[in-house]
Protein backbone atom coordinates (compact mmCIF):
# COMPACT_ATOMS: atom_id res chain seq x y z
CA MET A 1 -27.28 24.79 -9.22
CA GLU A 2 -26.05 27.59 -11.46
CA VAL A 3 -23.43 26.65 -14.05
CA MET A 4 -21.43 29.40 -15.69
CA VAL A 5 -20.42 28.82 -19.34
CA VAL A 6 -17.37 30.65 -20.61
CA ARG A 7 -15.81 30.48 -24.05
CA LEU A 8 -12.31 29.10 -24.39
CA ARG A 9 -10.24 31.36 -26.64
CA ARG A 10 -7.01 29.49 -27.19
CA LEU A 11 -5.02 30.00 -23.97
CA LEU A 12 -6.94 32.62 -21.97
CA ILE A 13 -10.46 32.57 -20.57
CA PRO A 14 -11.74 35.88 -19.13
CA LEU A 15 -13.99 35.10 -16.18
CA SER A 16 -16.52 37.27 -14.43
CA VAL A 17 -16.47 37.66 -10.65
CA ASP A 18 -19.50 35.36 -10.42
CA ALA A 19 -17.75 32.68 -12.45
CA LEU A 20 -14.66 32.84 -10.23
CA ALA A 21 -16.87 32.26 -7.20
CA LEU A 22 -17.91 28.87 -8.54
CA SER A 23 -15.73 25.83 -7.99
CA PRO A 24 -14.05 24.23 -11.04
CA VAL A 25 -16.53 21.35 -10.74
CA ASN A 26 -19.44 23.71 -11.44
CA ARG A 27 -17.74 25.84 -14.08
CA GLN A 28 -17.91 24.63 -17.64
CA LEU A 29 -15.76 25.48 -20.64
CA GLU A 30 -17.01 25.79 -24.19
CA CYS A 31 -14.79 25.00 -27.17
CA TRP A 32 -13.59 28.18 -28.85
CA ASP A 33 -13.76 26.82 -32.41
CA GLY A 34 -17.53 26.50 -32.59
CA CYS A 35 -18.02 22.75 -32.15
CA GLU A 36 -20.12 23.46 -29.04
CA ALA A 37 -18.35 20.86 -26.93
CA ARG A 38 -18.71 21.62 -23.21
CA ARG A 39 -16.93 19.91 -20.35
CA PRO A 40 -16.65 20.62 -16.61
CA GLU A 41 -13.41 22.49 -15.97
CA ALA A 42 -12.35 19.95 -13.34
CA MET A 43 -12.16 17.30 -16.09
CA ILE A 44 -9.62 19.31 -18.07
CA ARG A 45 -6.05 18.76 -16.97
CA GLY A 46 -4.96 22.25 -18.02
CA LYS A 47 -2.55 24.36 -16.00
CA ARG A 48 -4.46 27.20 -14.36
CA TYR A 49 -2.80 30.44 -13.33
CA GLY A 50 -3.92 33.78 -11.93
CA GLU A 51 -7.50 32.93 -10.97
CA GLY A 52 -7.43 35.84 -8.56
CA MET A 53 -6.85 38.16 -11.51
CA GLY A 54 -9.98 36.95 -13.30
CA VAL A 55 -8.09 34.87 -15.88
CA ILE A 56 -7.52 31.15 -16.24
CA ALA A 57 -4.65 30.06 -18.52
CA LEU A 58 -4.74 26.56 -19.96
CA ASP A 59 -1.95 24.61 -21.60
CA SER A 60 -1.84 24.19 -25.38
CA ASN A 61 -3.76 20.90 -25.35
CA ALA A 62 -6.75 22.23 -23.40
CA CYS A 63 -8.99 22.60 -26.45
CA ARG A 64 -8.51 18.92 -27.31
CA ARG A 65 -9.44 17.93 -23.79
CA LEU A 66 -12.86 19.52 -24.08
CA HIS A 67 -13.85 16.48 -26.10
CA ALA A 68 -14.62 12.93 -25.05
CA PRO A 69 -12.21 10.81 -22.94
CA THR A 70 -9.96 9.21 -25.50
CA ARG A 71 -7.39 6.57 -26.25
CA GLY A 72 -5.17 8.27 -28.80
CA TRP A 73 -8.03 10.76 -29.29
CA MET A 74 -10.39 7.94 -30.32
CA ALA A 75 -13.41 8.10 -28.02
CA THR A 76 -13.65 5.11 -25.69
CA THR A 77 -16.82 6.27 -23.90
CA ALA A 78 -20.19 7.55 -25.08
CA ILE A 79 -23.60 8.11 -23.45
CA VAL A 80 -25.96 5.15 -23.90
CA ASP A 81 -29.37 5.25 -22.19
CA GLY A 82 -28.17 8.15 -20.07
CA GLN A 83 -25.04 6.39 -18.80
CA PRO A 84 -21.38 6.35 -19.95
CA ALA A 85 -20.69 3.13 -21.83
CA ALA A 86 -17.84 1.38 -23.62
CA PRO A 87 -18.31 0.45 -27.29
CA THR A 88 -20.10 -2.86 -27.95
CA PRO A 89 -21.11 -4.38 -31.30
CA HIS A 90 -23.88 -2.41 -33.08
CA ALA A 91 -24.30 0.01 -30.15
CA ARG A 92 -25.36 3.62 -30.65
CA GLY A 93 -24.91 6.52 -28.28
CA SER A 94 -24.18 10.23 -28.06
CA CYS A 95 -20.89 12.10 -27.77
CA LEU A 96 -19.76 13.12 -24.29
CA GLY A 97 -18.29 16.25 -25.79
CA CYS A 98 -20.80 17.61 -28.29
CA GLY A 99 -23.89 15.40 -27.87
CA ALA A 100 -23.90 14.26 -31.52
CA ALA A 101 -24.90 10.71 -32.45
CA MET A 102 -22.13 8.12 -32.24
CA VAL A 103 -21.74 4.55 -33.45
CA ALA A 104 -19.56 1.83 -31.91
CA LYS A 105 -16.59 0.55 -33.92
CA THR A 106 -15.62 -2.93 -32.74
CA GLY A 107 -14.04 -4.58 -35.76
CA ARG A 108 -10.37 -5.41 -36.23
CA VAL A 109 -9.26 -1.99 -35.05
CA THR A 110 -9.18 -0.86 -31.42
CA SER A 111 -12.78 -0.65 -30.18
CA HIS A 112 -13.94 2.96 -30.04
CA TRP A 113 -16.83 5.30 -30.68
CA ALA A 114 -17.03 7.38 -33.86
CA HIS A 115 -19.38 10.19 -34.84
CA ALA A 116 -22.20 8.94 -37.05
CA ALA A 117 -21.93 12.08 -39.19
CA PRO A 118 -18.79 14.03 -40.06
CA ARG A 119 -17.70 16.73 -37.62
CA ASP A 120 -15.66 19.79 -38.49
CA TRP A 121 -13.58 20.07 -35.30
CA ASP A 122 -10.29 18.24 -34.99
CA PRO A 123 -9.15 17.09 -31.52
CA TRP A 124 -5.60 16.67 -32.88
CA TRP A 125 -5.25 20.39 -33.49
CA GLU A 126 -2.40 22.18 -31.72
CA ASN A 127 -1.47 25.83 -31.51
CA GLU A 128 0.35 26.78 -34.70
CA THR A 129 3.83 28.22 -34.24
CA ALA A 130 6.05 30.18 -36.62
CA TRP A 131 7.92 26.91 -37.14
CA HIS A 132 4.71 25.25 -38.41
CA ARG A 133 3.98 28.12 -40.77
CA GLU A 134 7.51 28.17 -42.18
CA TRP A 135 7.37 24.47 -42.99
CA LYS A 136 3.89 24.58 -44.53
CA ALA A 137 4.91 27.59 -46.62
CA LYS A 138 7.41 25.35 -48.44
CA PHE A 139 4.45 23.63 -50.13
CA PRO A 140 1.65 24.95 -52.37
CA GLU A 141 -1.24 26.57 -50.51
CA ASP A 142 -3.80 24.10 -51.83
CA TRP A 143 -1.81 21.25 -50.23
CA ARG A 144 -2.07 22.71 -46.71
CA GLU A 145 -4.64 21.98 -43.97
CA ILE A 146 -6.36 19.32 -46.04
CA ARG A 147 -9.51 17.69 -44.66
CA HIS A 148 -9.04 13.93 -44.48
CA GLU A 149 -12.03 11.66 -43.85
CA ALA A 150 -11.76 7.97 -43.02
CA GLN A 151 -14.43 5.34 -43.39
CA GLY A 152 -16.96 5.82 -40.61
CA GLY A 153 -16.84 9.61 -40.76
CA GLU A 154 -13.79 10.36 -38.61
CA ILE A 155 -12.24 13.61 -39.85
CA HIS A 156 -8.89 15.26 -39.28
CA ARG A 157 -6.88 17.90 -41.09
CA ALA A 158 -3.43 17.05 -42.38
CA ASP A 159 -0.81 19.79 -42.18
CA VAL A 160 0.19 18.97 -45.76
CA ARG A 161 -1.17 16.43 -48.20
CA THR A 162 0.84 16.55 -51.40
CA GLY A 163 -0.56 16.10 -54.87
CA PRO A 164 0.78 12.51 -55.11
CA GLY A 165 -0.84 11.74 -51.71
CA LEU A 166 1.96 11.90 -49.13
CA ILE A 167 0.83 13.16 -45.68
CA LEU A 168 3.24 15.43 -43.79
CA GLU A 169 2.60 16.24 -40.13
CA PHE A 170 4.73 18.94 -38.51
CA GLN A 171 4.81 18.31 -34.77
CA HIS A 172 6.08 20.85 -32.24
CA SER A 173 4.66 19.52 -28.97
CA SER A 174 5.18 16.03 -27.55
CA LEU A 175 2.61 13.27 -28.10
CA ARG A 176 1.47 10.43 -25.89
CA ASP A 177 2.23 6.98 -27.31
CA ASP A 178 -1.46 6.19 -27.80
CA GLU A 179 -2.12 9.42 -29.67
CA LEU A 180 0.89 8.84 -31.91
CA ALA A 181 -0.39 5.35 -32.72
CA ALA A 182 -3.89 6.69 -33.44
CA ARG A 183 -2.58 9.25 -35.92
CA GLU A 184 -0.47 6.66 -37.71
CA ALA A 185 -3.48 4.36 -37.92
CA PHE A 186 -5.61 7.18 -39.37
CA TYR A 187 -3.08 8.36 -41.97
CA ASP A 188 -1.75 5.37 -43.89
CA ASN A 189 0.85 7.36 -45.85
CA LEU A 190 2.38 9.53 -43.15
CA VAL A 191 5.77 11.20 -42.57
CA TRP A 192 6.57 13.07 -39.35
CA VAL A 193 8.72 16.21 -39.11
CA LEU A 194 9.52 17.12 -35.50
CA ASP A 195 10.64 20.46 -34.12
CA GLY A 196 13.84 19.32 -32.41
CA ARG A 197 14.86 22.68 -31.01
CA PRO A 198 13.14 22.18 -27.60
CA PHE A 199 15.17 19.00 -26.93
CA ALA A 200 18.32 19.73 -28.97
CA ALA A 201 20.47 19.95 -25.81
CA ASN A 202 19.54 16.32 -25.01
CA PHE A 203 20.23 14.98 -28.49
CA GLU A 204 23.87 14.29 -29.32
CA ILE A 205 24.88 13.31 -32.86
CA HIS A 206 28.10 11.32 -32.92
CA HIS A 207 30.41 9.49 -35.31
CA ILE A 208 29.63 8.58 -38.89
CA LEU A 209 28.69 5.03 -39.92
CA PRO A 210 29.26 3.35 -43.27
CA ASP A 211 26.30 2.41 -45.43
CA PRO A 212 25.05 -0.80 -43.76
CA ASP A 213 24.99 -2.47 -47.19
CA ALA A 214 28.62 -1.54 -47.96
CA PRO A 215 31.17 -4.42 -47.99
CA ILE A 216 33.18 -2.83 -45.16
CA ALA A 217 30.14 -2.87 -42.87
CA GLN A 218 29.38 -6.58 -43.16
CA ASP A 219 31.89 -7.73 -40.53
CA MET A 220 31.45 -4.76 -38.17
CA VAL A 221 29.33 -4.72 -35.01
CA TRP A 222 29.24 -1.23 -33.49
CA VAL A 223 29.30 -0.57 -29.75
CA PRO A 224 26.23 1.59 -28.96
CA ALA A 225 27.07 5.15 -27.96
CA LYS A 226 26.15 5.89 -24.36
CA VAL A 227 26.20 8.88 -22.05
CA GLY A 228 29.52 8.93 -20.19
CA LEU A 229 31.07 6.19 -22.37
CA TYR A 230 33.00 8.67 -24.47
CA GLY A 231 35.02 6.20 -26.53
CA THR A 232 31.79 5.12 -28.18
CA HIS A 233 31.14 8.68 -29.34
CA GLY A 234 34.12 8.48 -31.70
CA GLY A 235 33.27 4.99 -32.93
CA LEU A 236 34.12 1.56 -31.46
CA TYR A 237 33.34 -1.81 -33.00
CA HIS A 238 33.84 -5.58 -32.81
CA LEU A 239 34.54 -7.95 -35.71
CA ARG A 240 31.80 -10.54 -36.07
CA SER A 241 34.20 -13.00 -37.75
CA GLU A 242 36.51 -12.82 -34.73
CA PHE A 243 33.61 -13.52 -32.35
CA GLU A 244 32.43 -16.45 -34.51
CA ALA A 245 35.94 -17.94 -34.40
CA GLN A 246 35.89 -17.74 -30.61
CA VAL A 247 32.48 -19.43 -30.21
CA GLY A 248 32.94 -21.88 -33.08
CA ARG A 249 29.72 -21.09 -34.92
CA ALA A 250 27.97 -18.46 -37.02
CA ALA A 251 26.53 -15.63 -34.98
CA ALA A 252 24.04 -12.84 -35.54
CA ARG A 253 25.21 -9.29 -34.91
CA SER A 254 22.92 -9.06 -31.88
CA GLU A 255 24.91 -11.90 -30.24
CA VAL A 256 28.30 -10.17 -30.47
CA ARG A 257 28.85 -8.68 -27.03
CA TYR A 258 32.56 -9.23 -26.28
CA GLY A 259 35.93 -9.54 -27.97
CA THR A 260 38.57 -7.09 -29.11
CA ILE A 261 37.24 -3.53 -29.34
CA ARG A 262 38.61 -1.47 -32.19
CA GLY A 263 38.47 2.23 -33.04
CA LEU A 264 38.19 3.79 -36.47
CA GLY A 265 41.91 4.54 -36.72
CA ARG A 266 43.31 3.18 -39.97
CA ILE A 267 39.94 2.54 -41.60
CA LYS A 268 38.54 6.04 -41.12
CA ARG A 269 38.96 6.97 -44.77
CA ASP A 270 37.27 3.73 -45.86
CA ILE A 271 34.37 4.53 -43.55
CA GLU A 272 34.12 8.03 -44.99
CA ALA A 273 34.08 6.62 -48.52
CA ALA A 274 31.15 4.36 -47.59
CA TYR A 275 29.25 7.09 -45.73
CA ARG A 276 25.63 7.64 -46.80
CA GLY A 277 24.37 9.87 -44.01
CA HIS A 278 24.25 7.46 -41.02
CA HIS A 279 25.40 8.50 -37.53
CA GLN A 280 25.19 7.15 -34.04
CA PHE A 281 23.33 9.34 -31.58
CA VAL A 282 22.46 9.61 -27.89
CA TRP A 283 19.04 10.96 -26.95
CA LYS A 284 18.81 11.64 -23.23
CA GLN A 285 15.23 11.49 -21.98
CA PRO A 286 13.68 10.77 -25.41
CA ARG A 287 10.25 12.25 -26.02
CA GLY A 288 7.19 10.05 -26.40
CA GLY A 289 7.28 7.05 -28.71
CA TRP A 290 9.27 8.62 -31.53
CA LEU A 291 12.00 5.97 -31.36
CA THR A 292 9.46 3.24 -32.12
CA ALA A 293 7.10 5.16 -34.41
CA GLY A 294 5.79 3.24 -37.40
CA ALA A 295 6.00 6.16 -39.83
CA PRO A 296 9.31 7.82 -40.77
CA VAL A 297 10.41 10.49 -38.27
CA PHE A 298 12.61 13.42 -39.35
CA ILE A 299 13.93 15.90 -36.76
CA ASP A 300 14.55 19.56 -37.55
CA PHE A 301 17.07 21.14 -35.15
CA GLY A 302 16.86 24.52 -36.83
CA GLU A 303 19.92 23.97 -39.03
CA ALA A 304 20.11 23.27 -42.74
CA GLY A 305 19.60 19.54 -42.32
CA LEU A 306 17.07 16.98 -41.14
CA TRP A 307 17.81 13.79 -39.24
CA ARG A 308 15.83 10.62 -39.93
CA LEU A 309 15.51 8.32 -36.90
CA GLY A 310 16.08 4.67 -37.72
CA VAL A 311 17.68 1.31 -36.98
CA TYR A 312 21.08 0.77 -38.56
CA ASP A 313 21.28 -3.02 -38.96
CA ASP A 314 20.09 -6.33 -37.53
CA SER A 315 21.98 -5.67 -34.29
CA GLY A 316 19.22 -3.20 -33.42
CA LEU A 317 21.67 -0.26 -33.26
CA ARG A 318 19.78 3.04 -33.42
CA CYS A 319 21.03 5.65 -35.82
CA CYS A 320 20.02 8.94 -37.36
CA ARG A 321 20.50 9.78 -41.02
CA PHE A 322 21.26 13.17 -42.49
CA THR A 323 19.57 14.87 -45.42
CA SER A 324 19.23 18.53 -46.37
CA GLN A 325 15.94 20.40 -45.96
CA GLY A 326 15.94 21.37 -49.62
CA ARG A 327 16.39 17.79 -50.74
CA PHE A 328 13.61 16.69 -48.39
CA VAL A 329 11.14 19.26 -49.72
CA ASP A 330 11.96 18.44 -53.35
CA ALA A 331 11.52 14.70 -52.71
CA ALA A 332 8.33 15.16 -50.66
CA ARG A 333 6.70 17.11 -53.51
CA VAL A 334 6.93 14.15 -55.91
CA ALA A 335 7.05 11.01 -53.72
CA ARG A 336 3.91 8.89 -53.76
CA ASP A 337 4.65 7.26 -50.41
CA ALA A 338 7.19 7.23 -47.58
CA ALA A 339 9.24 4.44 -49.16
CA GLU A 340 9.67 6.42 -52.38
CA LEU A 341 10.55 9.52 -50.37
CA GLU A 342 13.47 7.71 -48.76
CA ARG A 343 14.67 6.29 -52.07
CA LEU A 344 14.81 9.84 -53.43
CA LEU A 345 16.65 11.24 -50.39
CA TRP A 346 19.64 8.87 -50.36
CA PRO A 347 22.45 8.32 -51.08
CA VAL A 348 23.59 11.75 -49.98
CA ARG A 349 26.62 13.42 -51.47
CA PRO A 350 30.11 12.16 -50.48
CA PHE A 351 31.40 12.67 -46.97
CA GLU A 352 33.66 15.54 -48.04
CA ASP A 353 30.54 17.63 -48.84
CA PHE A 354 29.07 16.80 -45.45
CA ALA A 355 32.21 17.70 -43.48
CA GLY A 356 31.78 20.77 -41.33
CA TYR A 357 28.15 20.12 -40.40
CA PRO A 358 27.91 20.72 -36.62
CA ILE A 359 27.92 17.40 -34.77
CA ASN A 360 29.05 16.55 -31.25
């Protein structure tokens, strides 16, 4: 049976009349970046358009999908004795994508297959946008697109690896939870910067919160902001001491679920004085696993600031925290790890300097 091989060039694949006559099962695609990976087109979950015009358009992740079936882009299947096989201790096989030798990794990490020798292609690559380029241009050229090799030969390219060793990944498209976890496992000193413009309409930033370590915050338990519960958008809270008096015992913040609900009112100025960048937010239809990511996540909505996703206190209340882009870049250039980055970013300037930033 004849199999046509065409070369994937980013999003468009010109096809001959003969190639169009073949079914997707018989057509094969070849990776455009030279890694020689070939996969039947039917195995690639790309969006195809205009086949009658001699062109197939694939979505932006199509190049990644030329490679082996993955869990977080770690290969879970390789060819052993001519058959697909899961990784077992000391097993050796060949890559489903490129045919190179692979070794099984079955230690304390998730069992997977890894190339026995380093490979130059990166299945985590995504189409670079102007947004990517603008962010990377804020850092020296020799810090950009840095090859990073882990033990066992797995190789990826970090968007930015600073001189002190901080890894910055600028992410425009959404990620599956397993892929996010795989990247965080690969880079042990990672900070995410997300392009928030595509989902900005679903992300509402609401009232300010005091520094959770400030004295005024110790007796406050905030009512989570919710869609349609508009009083929470301006700030509502319980007093933990009042709840403890009602139940006759000490209580954790997570236990306080009823009692008198108060608004900011008279204490607004005290809250402003204790402000260090924290806000409540509502994210309708949140993308991927960003709310539970292990590495710090900063969202860029195209304004002058960045918003760090986080948890406010032991009640589990989610919050976002403001910093300026300039402050972030300056801190990222010198921070040795994510913890030091955050120490350099906050406290922000007083609330009066923040006033006027566009929030809902």
